[in-house]
Amino acid sequence: MQRSNCAAQAWWQNPENVDLVQFMGKDNVPFHTVIFPATLLGTRQPWTLMKSISVTEYLNYEGGKFSKSRGVGVFGNDAKDTGIPVEARPSAMLMILIVTLNTRHMRI
């Protein structure tokens, strides 16, 4: 990491002091639990590795699965434009996930 990224380095290369917990859909588990950590370990640098993972069912949006690469879903800039306070968004998602599996999200 470049020296100009001191804050990022304090997080990503500080495994003794950072507990990394990740939340993701089940389709991302193989990459984030095997491939990406193996890549980090291969560098022999002191990277912060995932300590815990919370996995949800697939998130669906307007009849299709969320896909960042295909631009399907609600992303940071879209969520910001809804006017829903940032503090309320995780709670709203959690309530939907508790009630249903493979949750279907609708445009607000």
PDB file of N, CA and C in Angstrom:
ATOM      1  N   MET A   1       0.832  -1.181   0.000  1.00  0.00           N
ATOM      2  CA  MET A   1       0.000   0.000   0.000  1.00  0.00           C
ATOM      3  C   MET A   1       0.875   1.242   0.000  1.00  0.00           C
ATOM      4  N   GLN A   2       0.433   2.270  -0.682  1.00  0.00           N
ATOM      5  CA  GLN A   2       1.177   3.510  -0.725  1.00  0.00           C
ATOM      6  C   GLN A   2       1.082   4.219   0.626  1.00  0.00           C
ATOM      7  N   ARG A   3       2.103   4.992   0.939  1.00  0.00           N
ATOM      8  CA  ARG A   3       2.116   5.715   2.206  1.00  0.00           C
ATOM      9  C   ARG A   3       0.960   6.692   2.343  1.00  0.00           C
ATOM     10  N   SER A   4       0.436   7.196   1.240  1.00  0.00           N
ATOM     11  CA  SER A   4      -0.674   8.144   1.301  1.00  0.00           C
ATOM     12  C   SER A   4      -1.963   7.491   1.792  1.00  0.00           C
ATOM     13  N   ASN A   5      -1.988   6.180   1.865  1.00  0.00           N
ATOM     14  CA  ASN A   5      -3.176   5.452   2.300  1.00  0.00           C
ATOM     15  C   ASN A   5      -3.022   4.945   3.731  1.00  0.00           C
ATOM     16  N   CYS A   6      -2.537   5.792   4.631  1.00  0.00           N
ATOM     17  CA  CYS A   6      -2.282   5.368   6.013  1.00  0.00           C
ATOM     18  C   CYS A   6      -3.529   4.841   6.712  1.00  0.00           C
ATOM     19  N   ALA A   7      -4.675   5.497   6.510  1.00  0.00           N
ATOM     20  CA  ALA A   7      -5.906   5.040   7.155  1.00  0.00           C
ATOM     21  C   ALA A   7      -6.311   3.665   6.635  1.00  0.00           C
ATOM     22  N   ALA A   8      -6.205   3.465   5.333  1.00  0.00           N
ATOM     23  CA  ALA A   8      -6.535   2.162   4.755  1.00  0.00           C
ATOM     24  C   ALA A   8      -5.568   1.097   5.266  1.00  0.00           C
ATOM     25  N   GLN A   9      -4.312   1.423   5.356  1.00  0.00           N
ATOM     26  CA  GLN A   9      -3.321   0.469   5.844  1.00  0.00           C
ATOM     27  C   GLN A   9      -3.580   0.120   7.306  1.00  0.00           C
ATOM     28  N   ALA A  10      -3.984   1.115   8.107  1.00  0.00           N
ATOM     29  CA  ALA A  10      -4.284   0.857   9.518  1.00  0.00           C
ATOM     30  C   ALA A  10      -5.439  -0.121   9.674  1.00  0.00           C
ATOM     31  N   TRP A  11      -6.304  -0.182   8.678  1.00  0.00           N
ATOM     32  CA  TRP A  11      -7.433  -1.116   8.712  1.00  0.00           C
ATOM     33  C   TRP A  11      -7.056  -2.455   8.082  1.00  0.00           C
ATOM     34  N   TRP A  12      -6.557  -2.422   6.860  1.00  0.00           N
ATOM     35  CA  TRP A  12      -6.352  -3.653   6.093  1.00  0.00           C
ATOM     36  C   TRP A  12      -5.076  -4.397   6.428  1.00  0.00           C
ATOM     37  N   GLN A  13      -4.124  -3.759   7.080  1.00  0.00           N
ATOM     38  CA  GLN A  13      -2.899  -4.465   7.459  1.00  0.00           C
ATOM     39  C   GLN A  13      -2.669  -4.344   8.961  1.00  0.00           C
ATOM     40  N   ASN A  14      -3.693  -4.702   9.712  1.00  0.00           N
ATOM     41  CA  ASN A  14      -3.642  -4.611  11.159  1.00  0.00           C
ATOM     42  C   ASN A  14      -4.451  -5.758  11.778  1.00  0.00           C
ATOM     43  N   PRO A  15      -4.107  -6.997  11.471  1.00  0.00           N
ATOM     44  CA  PRO A  15      -4.938  -8.123  11.896  1.00  0.00           C
ATOM     45  C   PRO A  15      -5.039  -8.306  13.413  1.00  0.00           C
ATOM     46  N   GLU A  16      -4.068  -7.802  14.163  1.00  0.00           N
ATOM     47  CA  GLU A  16      -4.118  -7.953  15.619  1.00  0.00           C
ATOM     48  C   GLU A  16      -5.168  -7.049  16.254  1.00  0.00           C
ATOM     49  N   ASN A  17      -5.506  -5.948  15.584  1.00  0.00           N
ATOM     50  CA  ASN A  17      -6.396  -4.955  16.181  1.00  0.00           C
ATOM     51  C   ASN A  17      -7.704  -4.734  15.438  1.00  0.00           C
ATOM     52  N   VAL A  18      -7.909  -5.436  14.337  1.00  0.00           N
ATOM     53  CA  VAL A  18      -9.133  -5.256  13.549  1.00  0.00           C
ATOM     54  C   VAL A  18      -9.846  -6.601  13.431  1.00  0.00           C
ATOM     55  N   ASP A  19     -11.131  -6.608  13.780  1.00  0.00           N
ATOM     56  CA  ASP A  19     -11.976  -7.781  13.581  1.00  0.00           C
ATOM     57  C   ASP A  19     -12.867  -7.501  12.377  1.00  0.00           C
ATOM     58  N   LEU A  20     -12.584  -8.166  11.268  1.00  0.00           N
ATOM     59  CA  LEU A  20     -13.330  -7.957  10.036  1.00  0.00           C
ATOM     60  C   LEU A  20     -14.513  -8.913   9.974  1.00  0.00           C
ATOM     61  N   VAL A  21     -15.714  -8.356   9.947  1.00  0.00           N
ATOM     62  CA  VAL A  21     -16.946  -9.122   9.819  1.00  0.00           C
ATOM     63  C   VAL A  21     -17.581  -8.699   8.499  1.00  0.00           C
ATOM     64  N   GLN A  22     -17.941  -9.669   7.667  1.00  0.00           N
ATOM     65  CA  GLN A  22     -18.532  -9.348   6.368  1.00  0.00           C
ATOM     66  C   GLN A  22     -19.950  -9.889   6.277  1.00  0.00           C
ATOM     67  N   PHE A  23     -20.797  -9.148   5.572  1.00  0.00           N
ATOM     68  CA  PHE A  23     -22.186  -9.507   5.331  1.00  0.00           C
ATOM     69  C   PHE A  23     -22.374  -9.578   3.827  1.00  0.00           C
ATOM     70  N   MET A  24     -22.893 -10.702   3.341  1.00  0.00           N
ATOM     71  CA  MET A  24     -23.027 -10.844   1.884  1.00  0.00           C
ATOM     72  C   MET A  24     -24.060 -11.894   1.516  1.00  0.00           C
ATOM     73  N   GLY A  25     -24.424 -11.915   0.253  1.00  0.00           N
ATOM     74  CA  GLY A  25     -25.313 -12.941  -0.275  1.00  0.00           C
ATOM     75  C   GLY A  25     -24.554 -14.237  -0.475  1.00  0.00           C
ATOM     76  N   LYS A  26     -25.274 -15.345  -0.448  1.00  0.00           N
ATOM     77  CA  LYS A  26     -24.641 -16.661  -0.481  1.00  0.00           C
ATOM     78  C   LYS A  26     -23.843 -16.929  -1.761  1.00  0.00           C
ATOM     79  N   ASP A  27     -24.135 -16.216  -2.837  1.00  0.00           N
ATOM     80  CA  ASP A  27     -23.401 -16.444  -4.081  1.00  0.00           C
ATOM     81  C   ASP A  27     -21.976 -15.902  -4.016  1.00  0.00           C
ATOM     82  N   ASN A  28     -21.671 -15.033  -3.053  1.00  0.00           N
ATOM     83  CA  ASN A  28     -20.322 -14.466  -2.929  1.00  0.00           C
ATOM     84  C   ASN A  28     -19.425 -15.233  -1.967  1.00  0.00           C
ATOM     85  N   VAL A  29     -19.966 -16.238  -1.296  1.00  0.00           N
ATOM     86  CA  VAL A  29     -19.204 -16.957  -0.265  1.00  0.00           C
ATOM     87  C   VAL A  29     -17.935 -17.622  -0.804  1.00  0.00           C
ATOM     88  N   PRO A  30     -17.968 -18.371  -1.899  1.00  0.00           N
ATOM     89  CA  PRO A  30     -16.728 -19.024  -2.352  1.00  0.00           C
ATOM     90  C   PRO A  30     -15.581 -18.034  -2.599  1.00  0.00           C
ATOM     91  N   PHE A  31     -15.878 -16.924  -3.231  1.00  0.00           N
ATOM     92  CA  PHE A  31     -14.820 -15.958  -3.506  1.00  0.00           C
ATOM     93  C   PHE A  31     -14.276 -15.348  -2.221  1.00  0.00           C
ATOM     94  N   HIS A  32     -15.169 -14.893  -1.342  1.00  0.00           N
ATOM     95  CA  HIS A  32     -14.733 -14.159  -0.156  1.00  0.00           C
ATOM     96  C   HIS A  32     -14.223 -15.040   0.974  1.00  0.00           C
ATOM     97  N   THR A  33     -14.459 -16.347   0.920  1.00  0.00           N
ATOM     98  CA  THR A  33     -13.958 -17.224   1.985  1.00  0.00           C
ATOM     99  C   THR A  33     -12.778 -18.084   1.552  1.00  0.00           C
ATOM    100  N   VAL A  34     -12.552 -18.231   0.250  1.00  0.00           N
ATOM    101  CA  VAL A  34     -11.459 -19.075  -0.232  1.00  0.00           C
ATOM    102  C   VAL A  34     -10.514 -18.303  -1.159  1.00  0.00           C
ATOM    103  N   ILE A  35     -11.029 -17.832  -2.262  1.00  0.00           N
ATOM    104  CA  ILE A  35     -10.178 -17.242  -3.305  1.00  0.00           C
ATOM    105  C   ILE A  35      -9.489 -15.962  -2.833  1.00  0.00           C
ATOM    106  N   PHE A  36     -10.267 -14.990  -2.333  1.00  0.00           N
ATOM    107  CA  PHE A  36      -9.676 -13.715  -1.923  1.00  0.00           C
ATOM    108  C   PHE A  36      -8.712 -13.878  -0.744  1.00  0.00           C
ATOM    109  N   PRO A  37      -9.088 -14.606   0.321  1.00  0.00           N
ATOM    110  CA  PRO A  37      -8.120 -14.795   1.413  1.00  0.00           C
ATOM    111  C   PRO A  37      -6.851 -15.524   0.959  1.00  0.00           C
ATOM    112  N   ALA A  38      -6.980 -16.488   0.058  1.00  0.00           N
ATOM    113  CA  ALA A  38      -5.796 -17.195  -0.446  1.00  0.00           C
ATOM    114  C   ALA A  38      -4.876 -16.239  -1.191  1.00  0.00           C
ATOM    115  N   THR A  39      -5.468 -15.323  -1.940  1.00  0.00           N
ATOM    116  CA  THR A  39      -4.681 -14.320  -2.652  1.00  0.00           C
ATOM    117  C   THR A  39      -3.916 -13.440  -1.665  1.00  0.00           C
ATOM    118  N   LEU A  40      -4.603 -13.013  -0.613  1.00  0.00           N
ATOM    119  CA  LEU A  40      -3.950 -12.179   0.401  1.00  0.00           C
ATOM    120  C   LEU A  40      -2.831 -12.950   1.107  1.00  0.00           C
ATOM    121  N   LEU A  41      -3.100 -14.182   1.490  1.00  0.00           N
ATOM    122  CA  LEU A  41      -2.080 -14.992   2.158  1.00  0.00           C
ATOM    123  C   LEU A  41      -0.856 -15.199   1.271  1.00  0.00           C
ATOM    124  N   GLY A  42      -1.081 -15.312  -0.035  1.00  0.00           N
ATOM    125  CA  GLY A  42       0.021 -15.514  -0.973  1.00  0.00           C
ATOM    126  C   GLY A  42       0.983 -14.343  -1.052  1.00  0.00           C
ATOM    127  N   THR A  43       0.542 -13.157  -0.636  1.00  0.00           N
ATOM    128  CA  THR A  43       1.435 -11.994  -0.657  1.00  0.00           C
ATOM    129  C   THR A  43       2.402 -11.988   0.516  1.00  0.00           C
ATOM    130  N   ARG A  44       2.121 -12.795   1.531  1.00  0.00           N
ATOM    131  CA  ARG A  44       2.924 -12.866   2.767  1.00  0.00           C
ATOM    132  C   ARG A  44       2.985 -11.525   3.500  1.00  0.00           C
ATOM    133  N   GLN A  45       1.968 -10.689   3.273  1.00  0.00           N
ATOM    134  CA  GLN A  45       1.834  -9.417   3.987  1.00  0.00           C
ATOM    135  C   GLN A  45       0.852  -9.618   5.146  1.00  0.00           C
ATOM    136  N   PRO A  46       0.909  -8.771   6.167  1.00  0.00           N
ATOM    137  CA  PRO A  46       0.026  -8.943   7.334  1.00  0.00           C
ATOM    138  C   PRO A  46      -1.377  -8.372   7.100  1.00  0.00           C
ATOM    139  N   TRP A  47      -2.129  -8.966   6.183  1.00  0.00           N
ATOM    140  CA  TRP A  47      -3.464  -8.467   5.863  1.00  0.00           C
ATOM    141  C   TRP A  47      -4.465  -8.820   6.956  1.00  0.00           C
ATOM    142  N   THR A  48      -5.453  -7.964   7.130  1.00  0.00           N
ATOM    143  CA  THR A  48      -6.580  -8.252   8.009  1.00  0.00           C
ATOM    144  C   THR A  48      -7.499  -9.210   7.258  1.00  0.00           C
ATOM    145  N   LEU A  49      -7.685 -10.398   7.799  1.00  0.00           N
ATOM    146  CA  LEU A  49      -8.543 -11.400   7.158  1.00  0.00           C
ATOM    147  C   LEU A  49      -9.891 -11.458   7.868  1.00  0.00           C
ATOM    148  N   MET A  50     -10.885 -11.956   7.179  1.00  0.00           N
ATOM    149  CA  MET A  50     -12.222 -12.058   7.726  1.00  0.00           C
ATOM    150  C   MET A  50     -12.226 -12.930   8.978  1.00  0.00           C
ATOM    151  N   LYS A  51     -12.844 -12.409  10.040  1.00  0.00           N
ATOM    152  CA  LYS A  51     -12.983 -13.167  11.279  1.00  0.00           C
ATOM    153  C   LYS A  51     -14.322 -13.895  11.320  1.00  0.00           C
ATOM    154  N   SER A  52     -15.340 -13.259  10.740  1.00  0.00           N
ATOM    155  CA  SER A  52     -16.674 -13.825  10.782  1.00  0.00           C
ATOM    156  C   SER A  52     -17.428 -13.396   9.519  1.00  0.00           C
ATOM    157  N   ILE A  53     -18.410 -14.208   9.148  1.00  0.00           N
ATOM    158  CA  ILE A  53     -19.209 -13.899   7.961  1.00  0.00           C
ATOM    159  C   ILE A  53     -20.672 -14.168   8.277  1.00  0.00           C
ATOM    160  N   SER A  54     -21.531 -13.284   7.817  1.00  0.00           N
ATOM    161  CA  SER A  54     -22.971 -13.470   7.932  1.00  0.00           C
ATOM    162  C   SER A  54     -23.515 -13.523   6.508  1.00  0.00           C
ATOM    163  N   VAL A  55     -24.184 -14.609   6.192  1.00  0.00           N
ATOM    164  CA  VAL A  55     -24.616 -14.839   4.820  1.00  0.00           C
ATOM    165  C   VAL A  55     -26.141 -14.856   4.751  1.00  0.00           C
ATOM    166  N   THR A  56     -26.661 -14.168   3.740  1.00  0.00           N
ATOM    167  CA  THR A  56     -28.107 -14.128   3.525  1.00  0.00           C
ATOM    168  C   THR A  56     -28.461 -14.936   2.282  1.00  0.00           C
ATOM    169  N   GLU A  57     -29.746 -15.115   2.095  1.00  0.00           N
ATOM    170  CA  GLU A  57     -30.234 -15.725   0.869  1.00  0.00           C
ATOM    171  C   GLU A  57     -29.979 -14.756  -0.279  1.00  0.00           C
ATOM    172  N   TYR A  58     -30.285 -15.177  -1.489  1.00  0.00           N
ATOM    173  CA  TYR A  58     -30.153 -14.282  -2.632  1.00  0.00           C
ATOM    174  C   TYR A  58     -31.071 -13.083  -2.447  1.00  0.00           C
ATOM    175  N   LEU A  59     -30.606 -11.936  -2.843  1.00  0.00           N
ATOM    176  CA  LEU A  59     -31.437 -10.745  -2.841  1.00  0.00           C
ATOM    177  C   LEU A  59     -31.927 -10.527  -4.261  1.00  0.00           C
ATOM    178  N   ASN A  60     -33.232 -10.419  -4.415  1.00  0.00           N
ATOM    179  CA  ASN A  60     -33.828 -10.219  -5.727  1.00  0.00           C
ATOM    180  C   ASN A  60     -34.370  -8.807  -5.832  1.00  0.00           C
ATOM    181  N   TYR A  61     -34.384  -8.307  -7.037  1.00  0.00           N
ATOM    182  CA  TYR A  61     -34.845  -6.941  -7.272  1.00  0.00           C
ATOM    183  C   TYR A  61     -35.626  -6.898  -8.564  1.00  0.00           C
ATOM    184  N   GLU A  62     -36.895  -6.526  -8.446  1.00  0.00           N
ATOM    185  CA  GLU A  62     -37.772  -6.416  -9.599  1.00  0.00           C
ATOM    186  C   GLU A  62     -37.684  -7.624 -10.531  1.00  0.00           C
ATOM    187  N   GLY A  63     -37.830  -8.808  -9.946  1.00  0.00           N
ATOM    188  CA  GLY A  63     -37.894 -10.032 -10.723  1.00  0.00           C
ATOM    189  C   GLY A  63     -36.572 -10.689 -11.066  1.00  0.00           C
ATOM    190  N   GLY A  64     -35.447 -10.102 -10.679  1.00  0.00           N
ATOM    191  CA  GLY A  64     -34.144 -10.697 -10.974  1.00  0.00           C
ATOM    192  C   GLY A  64     -33.201 -10.597  -9.791  1.00  0.00           C
ATOM    193  N   LYS A  65     -32.145 -11.375  -9.826  1.00  0.00           N
ATOM    194  CA  LYS A  65     -31.171 -11.389  -8.746  1.00  0.00           C
ATOM    195  C   LYS A  65     -30.317 -10.120  -8.783  1.00  0.00           C
ATOM    196  N   PHE A  66     -30.027  -9.556  -7.589  1.00  0.00           N
ATOM    197  CA  PHE A  66     -29.105  -8.429  -7.516  1.00  0.00           C
ATOM    198  C   PHE A  66     -27.822  -8.807  -8.241  1.00  0.00           C
ATOM    199  N   SER A  67     -27.267  -7.898  -8.986  1.00  0.00           N
ATOM    200  CA  SER A  67     -26.001  -8.120  -9.667  1.00  0.00           C
ATOM    201  C   SER A  67     -25.287  -6.793  -9.841  1.00  0.00           C
ATOM    202  N   LYS A  68     -24.212  -6.620  -9.120  1.00  0.00           N
ATOM    203  CA  LYS A  68     -23.446  -5.380  -9.250  1.00  0.00           C
ATOM    204  C   LYS A  68     -22.885  -5.254 -10.668  1.00  0.00           C
ATOM    205  N   SER A  69     -22.387  -6.353 -11.213  1.00  0.00           N
ATOM    206  CA  SER A  69     -21.766  -6.300 -12.542  1.00  0.00           C
ATOM    207  C   SER A  69     -22.780  -5.978 -13.644  1.00  0.00           C
ATOM    208  N   ARG A  70     -24.038  -6.389 -13.460  1.00  0.00           N
ATOM    209  CA  ARG A  70     -25.075  -6.099 -14.454  1.00  0.00           C
ATOM    210  C   ARG A  70     -25.869  -4.836 -14.115  1.00  0.00           C
ATOM    211  N   GLY A  71     -25.564  -4.225 -12.958  1.00  0.00           N
ATOM    212  CA  GLY A  71     -26.258  -3.001 -12.564  1.00  0.00           C
ATOM    213  C   GLY A  71     -27.691  -3.223 -12.123  1.00  0.00           C
ATOM    214  N   VAL A  72     -27.996  -4.434 -11.615  1.00  0.00           N
ATOM    215  CA  VAL A  72     -29.346  -4.748 -11.160  1.00  0.00           C
ATOM    216  C   VAL A  72     -29.382  -4.659  -9.644  1.00  0.00           C
ATOM    217  N   GLY A  73     -30.186  -3.750  -9.098  1.00  0.00           N
ATOM    218  CA  GLY A  73     -30.312  -3.622  -7.659  1.00  0.00           C
ATOM    219  C   GLY A  73     -30.305  -2.181  -7.218  1.00  0.00           C
ATOM    220  N   VAL A  74     -30.176  -2.006  -5.917  1.00  0.00           N
ATOM    221  CA  VAL A  74     -30.110  -0.680  -5.317  1.00  0.00           C
ATOM    222  C   VAL A  74     -28.698  -0.518  -4.777  1.00  0.00           C
ATOM    223  N   PHE A  75     -28.002   0.476  -5.263  1.00  0.00           N
ATOM    224  CA  PHE A  75     -26.614   0.693  -4.861  1.00  0.00           C
ATOM    225  C   PHE A  75     -26.499   1.995  -4.093  1.00  0.00           C
ATOM    226  N   GLY A  76     -25.349   2.289  -3.578  1.00  0.00           N
ATOM    227  CA  GLY A  76     -25.137   3.439  -2.715  1.00  0.00           C
ATOM    228  C   GLY A  76     -25.741   4.727  -3.217  1.00  0.00           C
ATOM    229  N   ASN A  77     -25.480   5.062  -4.463  1.00  0.00           N
ATOM    230  CA  ASN A  77     -26.018   6.323  -4.991  1.00  0.00           C
ATOM    231  C   ASN A  77     -27.540   6.261  -5.105  1.00  0.00           C
ATOM    232  N   ASP A  78     -28.106   5.088  -5.440  1.00  0.00           N
ATOM    233  CA  ASP A  78     -29.558   4.946  -5.523  1.00  0.00           C
ATOM    234  C   ASP A  78     -30.193   5.043  -4.136  1.00  0.00           C
ATOM    235  N   ALA A  79     -29.592   4.363  -3.170  1.00  0.00           N
ATOM    236  CA  ALA A  79     -30.125   4.373  -1.808  1.00  0.00           C
ATOM    237  C   ALA A  79     -30.100   5.785  -1.242  1.00  0.00           C
ATOM    238  N   LYS A  80     -29.052   6.523  -1.529  1.00  0.00           N
ATOM    239  CA  LYS A  80     -28.936   7.904  -1.055  1.00  0.00           C
ATOM    240  C   LYS A  80     -30.083   8.750  -1.595  1.00  0.00           C
ATOM    241  N   ASP A  81     -30.445   8.537  -2.839  1.00  0.00           N
ATOM    242  CA  ASP A  81     -31.480   9.338  -3.488  1.00  0.00           C
ATOM    243  C   ASP A  81     -32.894   9.039  -2.979  1.00  0.00           C
ATOM    244  N   THR A  82     -33.099   7.947  -2.230  1.00  0.00           N
ATOM    245  CA  THR A  82     -34.432   7.623  -1.716  1.00  0.00           C
ATOM    246  C   THR A  82     -34.847   8.541  -0.579  1.00  0.00           C
ATOM    247  N   GLY A  83     -33.861   9.157   0.093  1.00  0.00           N
ATOM    248  CA  GLY A  83     -34.180  10.004   1.240  1.00  0.00           C
ATOM    249  C   GLY A  83     -34.318   9.224   2.532  1.00  0.00           C
ATOM    250  N   ILE A  84     -34.197   7.893   2.475  1.00  0.00           N
ATOM    251  CA  ILE A  84     -34.247   7.082   3.694  1.00  0.00           C
ATOM    252  C   ILE A  84     -32.929   7.300   4.435  1.00  0.00           C
ATOM    253  N   PRO A  85     -32.985   7.647   5.719  1.00  0.00           N
ATOM    254  CA  PRO A  85     -31.749   7.891   6.467  1.00  0.00           C
ATOM    255  C   PRO A  85     -30.830   6.670   6.437  1.00  0.00           C
ATOM    256  N   VAL A  86     -29.547   6.906   6.328  1.00  0.00           N
ATOM    257  CA  VAL A  86     -28.575   5.820   6.225  1.00  0.00           C
ATOM    258  C   VAL A  86     -28.677   4.871   7.416  1.00  0.00           C
ATOM    259  N   GLU A  87     -29.006   5.385   8.581  1.00  0.00           N
ATOM    260  CA  GLU A  87     -29.116   4.547   9.774  1.00  0.00           C
ATOM    261  C   GLU A  87     -30.279   3.560   9.688  1.00  0.00           C
ATOM    262  N   ALA A  88     -31.289   3.884   8.894  1.00  0.00           N
ATOM    263  CA  ALA A  88     -32.485   3.041   8.795  1.00  0.00           C
ATOM    264  C   ALA A  88     -32.352   1.935   7.756  1.00  0.00           C
ATOM    265  N   ARG A  89     -31.459   2.070   6.810  1.00  0.00           N
ATOM    266  CA  ARG A  89     -31.372   1.100   5.712  1.00  0.00           C
ATOM    267  C   ARG A  89     -31.037  -0.313   6.175  1.00  0.00           C
ATOM    268  N   PRO A  90     -30.021  -0.522   7.019  1.00  0.00           N
ATOM    269  CA  PRO A  90     -29.743  -1.906   7.446  1.00  0.00           C
ATOM    270  C   PRO A  90     -30.910  -2.522   8.203  1.00  0.00           C
ATOM    271  N   SER A  91     -31.581  -1.754   9.034  1.00  0.00           N
ATOM    272  CA  SER A  91     -32.719  -2.276   9.790  1.00  0.00           C
ATOM    273  C   SER A  91     -33.846  -2.690   8.862  1.00  0.00           C
ATOM    274  N   ALA A  92     -34.099  -1.883   7.845  1.00  0.00           N
ATOM    275  CA  ALA A  92     -35.156  -2.222   6.884  1.00  0.00           C
ATOM    276  C   ALA A  92     -34.816  -3.513   6.143  1.00  0.00           C
ATOM    277  N   MET A  93     -33.575  -3.646   5.707  1.00  0.00           N
ATOM    278  CA  MET A  93     -33.157  -4.871   5.005  1.00  0.00           C
ATOM    279  C   MET A  93     -33.278  -6.079   5.920  1.00  0.00           C
ATOM    280  N   LEU A  94     -32.865  -5.941   7.172  1.00  0.00           N
ATOM    281  CA  LEU A  94     -32.933  -7.046   8.124  1.00  0.00           C
ATOM    282  C   LEU A  94     -34.368  -7.483   8.347  1.00  0.00           C
ATOM    283  N   MET A  95     -35.274  -6.550   8.472  1.00  0.00           N
ATOM    284  CA  MET A  95     -36.680  -6.904   8.674  1.00  0.00           C
ATOM    285  C   MET A  95     -37.222  -7.684   7.479  1.00  0.00           C
ATOM    286  N   ILE A  96     -36.867  -7.282   6.279  1.00  0.00           N
ATOM    287  CA  ILE A  96     -37.320  -7.991   5.084  1.00  0.00           C
ATOM    288  C   ILE A  96     -36.735  -9.401   5.070  1.00  0.00           C
ATOM    289  N   LEU A  97     -35.451  -9.536   5.402  1.00  0.00           N
ATOM    290  CA  LEU A  97     -34.796 -10.846   5.367  1.00  0.00           C
ATOM    291  C   LEU A  97     -35.346 -11.794   6.424  1.00  0.00           C
ATOM    292  N   ILE A  98     -35.734 -11.271   7.564  1.00  0.00           N
ATOM    293  CA  ILE A  98     -36.297 -12.114   8.623  1.00  0.00           C
ATOM    294  C   ILE A  98     -37.618 -12.720   8.167  1.00  0.00           C
ATOM    295  N   VAL A  99     -38.409 -11.955   7.446  1.00  0.00           N
ATOM    296  CA  VAL A  99     -39.741 -12.380   7.043  1.00  0.00           C
ATOM    297  C   VAL A  99     -39.723 -13.322   5.850  1.00  0.00           C
ATOM    298  N   THR A 100     -38.779 -13.133   4.917  1.00  0.00           N
ATOM    299  CA  THR A 100     -38.791 -13.926   3.687  1.00  0.00           C
ATOM    300  C   THR A 100     -37.414 -14.508   3.388  1.00  0.00           C
ATOM    301  N   LEU A 101     -37.396 -15.536   2.565  1.00  0.00           N
ATOM    302  CA  LEU A 101     -36.153 -16.097   2.046  1.00  0.00           C
ATOM    303  C   LEU A 101     -36.030 -15.696   0.589  1.00  0.00           C
ATOM    304  N   ASN A 102     -34.798 -15.602   0.099  1.00  0.00           N
ATOM    305  CA  ASN A 102     -34.570 -15.142  -1.273  1.00  0.00           C
ATOM    306  C   ASN A 102     -35.431 -13.907  -1.545  1.00  0.00           C
ATOM    307  N   THR A 103     -35.200 -12.923  -0.737  1.00  0.00           N
ATOM    308  CA  THR A 103     -36.028 -11.727  -0.657  1.00  0.00           C
ATOM    309  C   THR A 103     -36.179 -10.996  -1.977  1.00  0.00           C
ATOM    310  N   ARG A 104     -37.380 -10.523  -2.221  1.00  0.00           N
ATOM    311  CA  ARG A 104     -37.676  -9.725  -3.411  1.00  0.00           C
ATOM    312  C   ARG A 104     -37.809  -8.266  -2.977  1.00  0.00           C
ATOM    313  N   HIS A 105     -37.016  -7.390  -3.565  1.00  0.00           N
ATOM    314  CA  HIS A 105     -37.060  -5.968  -3.241  1.00  0.00           C
ATOM    315  C   HIS A 105     -37.743  -5.231  -4.364  1.00  0.00           C
ATOM    316  N   MET A 106     -38.513  -4.244  -4.004  1.00  0.00           N
ATOM    317  CA  MET A 106     -39.218  -3.455  -5.000  1.00  0.00           C
ATOM    318  C   MET A 106     -38.719  -2.031  -4.957  1.00  0.00           C
ATOM    319  N   ARG A 107     -38.764  -1.383  -6.077  1.00  0.00           N
ATOM    320  CA  ARG A 107     -38.354   0.015  -6.171  1.00  0.00           C
ATOM    321  C   ARG A 107     -39.298   0.876  -5.331  1.00  0.00           C
ATOM    322  N   ILE A 108     -38.716   1.797  -4.554  1.00  0.00           N
ATOM    323  CA  ILE A 108     -39.510   2.689  -3.703  1.00  0.00           C
ATOM    324  C   ILE A 108     -39.889   3.918  -4.479  1.00  0.00           C
TER     325      ILE A 108
END
